[in-house]
PDB file of N, CA and C in Angstrom:
ATOM      1  N   MET A   1       0.448  -1.117   0.228  1.00  0.00           N
ATOM      2  CA  MET A   1       0.198  -0.103   0.014  1.00  0.00           C
ATOM      3  C   MET A   1       1.063   1.160   0.232  1.00  0.00           C
ATOM      4  N   THR A   2       1.572   1.414  -0.867  1.00  0.00           N
ATOM      5  CA  THR A   2       2.737   2.666  -1.242  1.00  0.00           C
ATOM      6  C   THR A   2       1.865   3.847  -1.617  1.00  0.00           C
ATOM      7  N   ALA A   3       0.876   3.582  -1.791  1.00  0.00           N
ATOM      8  CA  ALA A   3      -0.015   4.766  -2.421  1.00  0.00           C
ATOM      9  C   ALA A   3      -1.109   5.863  -0.916  1.00  0.00           C
ATOM     10  N   VAL A   4      -1.194   5.050  -0.056  1.00  0.00           N
ATOM     11  CA  VAL A   4      -1.989   5.590   0.800  1.00  0.00           C
ATOM     12  C   VAL A   4      -1.090   6.979   1.324  1.00  0.00           C
ATOM     13  N   GLY A   5      -1.824   8.210   1.565  1.00  0.00           N
ATOM     14  CA  GLY A   5      -0.955   8.938   1.752  1.00  0.00           C
ATOM     15  C   GLY A   5      -0.446  10.156   1.242  1.00  0.00           C
ATOM     16  N   ARG A   6      -0.303   9.624  -0.109  1.00  0.00           N
ATOM     17  CA  ARG A   6       0.520  10.089  -1.661  1.00  0.00           C
ATOM     18  C   ARG A   6      -0.086  10.882  -2.183  1.00  0.00           C
ATOM     19  N   PRO A   7       0.448  12.033  -2.953  1.00  0.00           N
ATOM     20  CA  PRO A   7      -0.693  12.661  -3.684  1.00  0.00           C
ATOM     21  C   PRO A   7      -0.590  11.746  -5.403  1.00  0.00           C
ATOM     22  N   LEU A   8      -1.675  11.237  -5.846  1.00  0.00           N
ATOM     23  CA  LEU A   8      -1.593  10.881  -7.137  1.00  0.00           C
ATOM     24  C   LEU A   8      -1.888  11.510  -8.228  1.00  0.00           C
ATOM     25  N   ARG A   9      -1.168  10.994  -9.696  1.00  0.00           N
ATOM     26  CA  ARG A   9      -1.128  12.112 -10.369  1.00  0.00           C
ATOM     27  C   ARG A   9      -2.227  11.463 -11.313  1.00  0.00           C
ATOM     28  N   ARG A  10      -3.066  12.785 -11.552  1.00  0.00           N
ATOM     29  CA  ARG A  10      -4.664  12.335 -12.389  1.00  0.00           C
ATOM     30  C   ARG A  10      -3.960  12.727 -13.891  1.00  0.00           C
ATOM     31  N   VAL A  11      -4.221  11.795 -14.487  1.00  0.00           N
ATOM     32  CA  VAL A  11      -4.000  11.965 -16.146  1.00  0.00           C
ATOM     33  C   VAL A  11      -4.989  12.384 -16.798  1.00  0.00           C
ATOM     34  N   GLU A  12      -6.153  12.706 -16.248  1.00  0.00           N
ATOM     35  CA  GLU A  12      -7.495  13.450 -17.095  1.00  0.00           C
ATOM     36  C   GLU A  12      -7.375  14.849 -16.599  1.00  0.00           C
ATOM     37  N   ASP A  13      -6.355  15.277 -15.972  1.00  0.00           N
ATOM     38  CA  ASP A  13      -6.823  16.772 -15.630  1.00  0.00           C
ATOM     39  C   ASP A  13      -6.127  17.706 -16.971  1.00  0.00           C
ATOM     40  N   ALA A  14      -5.068  17.187 -17.565  1.00  0.00           N
ATOM     41  CA  ALA A  14      -4.882  18.606 -18.624  1.00  0.00           C
ATOM     42  C   ALA A  14      -6.156  18.246 -19.604  1.00  0.00           C
ATOM     43  N   ARG A  15      -6.966  17.213 -20.227  1.00  0.00           N
ATOM     44  CA  ARG A  15      -7.346  17.212 -21.151  1.00  0.00           C
ATOM     45  C   ARG A  15      -9.294  18.158 -20.917  1.00  0.00           C
ATOM     46  N   LEU A  16      -8.950  17.948 -19.531  1.00  0.00           N
ATOM     47  CA  LEU A  16     -10.400  18.439 -18.667  1.00  0.00           C
ATOM     48  C   LEU A  16     -10.321  20.228 -18.451  1.00  0.00           C
ATOM     49  N   LEU A  17      -9.048  20.463 -18.253  1.00  0.00           N
ATOM     50  CA  LEU A  17      -8.639  21.682 -18.164  1.00  0.00           C
ATOM     51  C   LEU A  17      -8.682  22.247 -19.515  1.00  0.00           C
ATOM     52  N   CYS A  18      -8.235  22.033 -20.743  1.00  0.00           N
ATOM     53  CA  CYS A  18      -8.350  22.520 -21.563  1.00  0.00           C
ATOM     54  C   CYS A  18      -9.575  22.558 -22.721  1.00  0.00           C
ATOM     55  N   GLY A  19     -10.065  21.640 -22.291  1.00  0.00           N
ATOM     56  CA  GLY A  19     -11.329  21.339 -22.938  1.00  0.00           C
ATOM     57  C   GLY A  19     -11.511  20.348 -24.037  1.00  0.00           C
ATOM     58  N   SER A  20     -10.688  19.855 -23.753  1.00  0.00           N
ATOM     59  CA  SER A  20     -11.111  18.166 -24.969  1.00  0.00           C
ATOM     60  C   SER A  20     -11.311  17.117 -23.949  1.00  0.00           C
ATOM     61  N   GLY A  21     -11.663  16.993 -23.051  1.00  0.00           N
ATOM     62  CA  GLY A  21     -12.124  16.243 -22.267  1.00  0.00           C
ATOM     63  C   GLY A  21     -13.421  15.418 -22.931  1.00  0.00           C
ATOM     64  N   ARG A  22     -13.887  14.416 -22.636  1.00  0.00           N
ATOM     65  CA  ARG A  22     -14.995  13.647 -23.261  1.00  0.00           C
ATOM     66  C   ARG A  22     -15.944  13.462 -21.909  1.00  0.00           C
ATOM     67  N   PHE A  23     -17.090  13.704 -22.053  1.00  0.00           N
ATOM     68  CA  PHE A  23     -18.122  13.182 -20.844  1.00  0.00           C
ATOM     69  C   PHE A  23     -19.187  12.344 -21.645  1.00  0.00           C
ATOM     70  N   VAL A  24     -19.977  11.834 -20.389  1.00  0.00           N
ATOM     71  CA  VAL A  24     -21.128  10.727 -20.798  1.00  0.00           C
ATOM     72  C   VAL A  24     -21.786  11.950 -21.805  1.00  0.00           C
ATOM     73  N   ASP A  25     -22.047  13.251 -21.506  1.00  0.00           N
ATOM     74  CA  ASP A  25     -23.335  13.993 -22.234  1.00  0.00           C
ATOM     75  C   ASP A  25     -22.687  14.126 -24.092  1.00  0.00           C
ATOM     76  N   ASP A  26     -21.468  13.907 -23.859  1.00  0.00           N
ATOM     77  CA  ASP A  26     -20.942  13.899 -25.514  1.00  0.00           C
ATOM     78  C   ASP A  26     -20.789  12.772 -26.318  1.00  0.00           C
ATOM     79  N   VAL A  27     -21.298  11.480 -25.754  1.00  0.00           N
ATOM     80  CA  VAL A  27     -21.373  10.633 -26.243  1.00  0.00           C
ATOM     81  C   VAL A  27     -23.048  10.630 -27.050  1.00  0.00           C
ATOM     82  N   ASN A  28     -22.445  10.458 -28.435  1.00  0.00           N
ATOM     83  CA  ASN A  28     -23.962  10.285 -29.375  1.00  0.00           C
ATOM     84  C   ASN A  28     -23.812   8.482 -30.283  1.00  0.00           C
ATOM     85  N   ARG A  29     -24.788   7.520 -29.947  1.00  0.00           N
ATOM     86  CA  ARG A  29     -24.982   6.511 -30.530  1.00  0.00           C
ATOM     87  C   ARG A  29     -25.786   6.451 -31.627  1.00  0.00           C
ATOM     88  N   PRO A  30     -25.826   5.963 -32.960  1.00  0.00           N
ATOM     89  CA  PRO A  30     -26.574   5.411 -33.361  1.00  0.00           C
ATOM     90  C   PRO A  30     -28.207   4.588 -32.977  1.00  0.00           C
ATOM     91  N   GLY A  31     -29.152   5.273 -32.954  1.00  0.00           N
ATOM     92  CA  GLY A  31     -30.549   5.112 -32.376  1.00  0.00           C
ATOM     93  C   GLY A  31     -30.959   5.351 -31.381  1.00  0.00           C
ATOM     94  N   GLN A  32     -29.350   6.537 -29.987  1.00  0.00           N
ATOM     95  CA  GLN A  32     -29.775   6.755 -28.966  1.00  0.00           C
ATOM     96  C   GLN A  32     -31.211   7.099 -28.712  1.00  0.00           C
ATOM     97  N   LEU A  33     -31.768   7.322 -27.682  1.00  0.00           N
ATOM     98  CA  LEU A  33     -32.993   7.730 -26.966  1.00  0.00           C
ATOM     99  C   LEU A  33     -32.617   8.835 -26.234  1.00  0.00           C
ATOM    100  N   TRP A  34     -33.405   9.756 -26.231  1.00  0.00           N
ATOM    101  CA  TRP A  34     -33.346  11.451 -25.237  1.00  0.00           C
ATOM    102  C   TRP A  34     -34.080  11.117 -24.377  1.00  0.00           C
ATOM    103  N   MET A  35     -34.239  11.686 -23.132  1.00  0.00           N
ATOM    104  CA  MET A  35     -35.186  12.056 -22.415  1.00  0.00           C
ATOM    105  C   MET A  35     -34.878  13.190 -21.867  1.00  0.00           C
ATOM    106  N   ARG A  36     -36.418  13.672 -21.307  1.00  0.00           N
ATOM    107  CA  ARG A  36     -36.156  14.863 -20.698  1.00  0.00           C
ATOM    108  C   ARG A  36     -37.000  15.235 -19.398  1.00  0.00           C
ATOM    109  N   ALA A  37     -36.698  15.427 -18.406  1.00  0.00           N
ATOM    110  CA  ALA A  37     -37.590  15.724 -17.313  1.00  0.00           C
ATOM    111  C   ALA A  37     -38.131  16.848 -17.092  1.00  0.00           C
ATOM    112  N   VAL A  38     -39.636  16.509 -16.775  1.00  0.00           N
ATOM    113  CA  VAL A  38     -40.694  17.881 -16.800  1.00  0.00           C
ATOM    114  C   VAL A  38     -41.337  17.334 -15.461  1.00  0.00           C
ATOM    115  N   ARG A  39     -41.517  19.163 -15.063  1.00  0.00           N
ATOM    116  CA  ARG A  39     -42.166  18.696 -13.760  1.00  0.00           C
ATOM    117  C   ARG A  39     -43.234  19.547 -13.996  1.00  0.00           C
ATOM    118  N   SER A  40     -43.939  19.479 -13.069  1.00  0.00           N
ATOM    119  CA  SER A  40     -45.213  20.256 -12.845  1.00  0.00           C
ATOM    120  C   SER A  40     -45.131  21.709 -12.133  1.00  0.00           C
ATOM    121  N   THR A  41     -46.300  22.355 -13.326  1.00  0.00           N
ATOM    122  CA  THR A  41     -45.731  23.351 -12.948  1.00  0.00           C
ATOM    123  C   THR A  41     -47.309  23.908 -11.893  1.00  0.00           C
ATOM    124  N   VAL A  42     -48.122  22.929 -11.260  1.00  0.00           N
ATOM    125  CA  VAL A  42     -48.873  23.021 -10.218  1.00  0.00           C
ATOM    126  C   VAL A  42     -48.357  22.099  -9.034  1.00  0.00           C
ATOM    127  N   ALA A  43     -48.576  22.576  -7.937  1.00  0.00           N
ATOM    128  CA  ALA A  43     -48.014  22.086  -6.544  1.00  0.00           C
ATOM    129  C   ALA A  43     -49.377  20.914  -6.601  1.00  0.00           C
ATOM    130  N   HIS A  44     -48.831  19.627  -6.056  1.00  0.00           N
ATOM    131  CA  HIS A  44     -49.797  18.919  -5.370  1.00  0.00           C
ATOM    132  C   HIS A  44     -50.844  18.459  -6.393  1.00  0.00           C
ATOM    133  N   ALA A  45     -50.323  18.644  -7.642  1.00  0.00           N
ATOM    134  CA  ALA A  45     -51.694  18.003  -8.866  1.00  0.00           C
ATOM    135  C   ALA A  45     -51.566  16.876  -9.281  1.00  0.00           C
ATOM    136  N   ARG A  46     -52.604  16.419 -10.026  1.00  0.00           N
ATOM    137  CA  ARG A  46     -53.127  14.740 -10.068  1.00  0.00           C
ATOM    138  C   ARG A  46     -52.286  15.002 -11.477  1.00  0.00           C
ATOM    139  N   LEU A  47     -51.816  13.594 -11.654  1.00  0.00           N
ATOM    140  CA  LEU A  47     -51.140  13.383 -13.457  1.00  0.00           C
ATOM    141  C   LEU A  47     -52.621  12.779 -13.956  1.00  0.00           C
ATOM    142  N   LEU A  48     -53.113  13.665 -14.955  1.00  0.00           N
ATOM    143  CA  LEU A  48     -54.343  12.631 -15.285  1.00  0.00           C
ATOM    144  C   LEU A  48     -53.820  12.298 -17.328  1.00  0.00           C
ATOM    145  N   ALA A  49     -52.974  12.281 -17.743  1.00  0.00           N
ATOM    146  CA  ALA A  49     -53.228  12.295 -19.004  1.00  0.00           C
ATOM    147  C   ALA A  49     -51.316  12.768 -19.615  1.00  0.00           C
ATOM    148  N   VAL A  50     -50.561  11.554 -20.006  1.00  0.00           N
ATOM    149  CA  VAL A  50     -49.281  11.738 -20.722  1.00  0.00           C
ATOM    150  C   VAL A  50     -49.727  11.959 -22.348  1.00  0.00           C
ATOM    151  N   ASP A  51     -48.921  12.913 -23.054  1.00  0.00           N
ATOM    152  CA  ASP A  51     -48.796  12.661 -24.073  1.00  0.00           C
ATOM    153  C   ASP A  51     -47.408  12.297 -24.651  1.00  0.00           C
ATOM    154  N   THR A  52     -47.423  10.968 -25.420  1.00  0.00           N
ATOM    155  CA  THR A  52     -46.501  10.150 -26.196  1.00  0.00           C
ATOM    156  C   THR A  52     -46.167  10.540 -27.322  1.00  0.00           C
ATOM    157  N   ALA A  53     -46.680  11.195 -27.797  1.00  0.00           N
ATOM    158  CA  ALA A  53     -46.463  11.642 -29.530  1.00  0.00           C
ATOM    159  C   ALA A  53     -45.348  11.759 -29.731  1.00  0.00           C
ATOM    160  N   ALA A  54     -44.680  12.931 -28.878  1.00  0.00           N
ATOM    161  CA  ALA A  54     -43.068  13.502 -29.849  1.00  0.00           C
ATOM    162  C   ALA A  54     -42.522  12.582 -29.196  1.00  0.00           C
TER     163      ALA A  54
END
């Protein structure tokens, strides 16, 4: 356990600081599905229907 208490060199820092790092949100796959969370505009409202046409 020679790494305990010693600083570790992080290899991803340079890419992230320069803006060239890839994040999960940057990956696009063929046939990929997208989702968006929609919040109610009315507190304690009841959900009566969902429009799935989009």
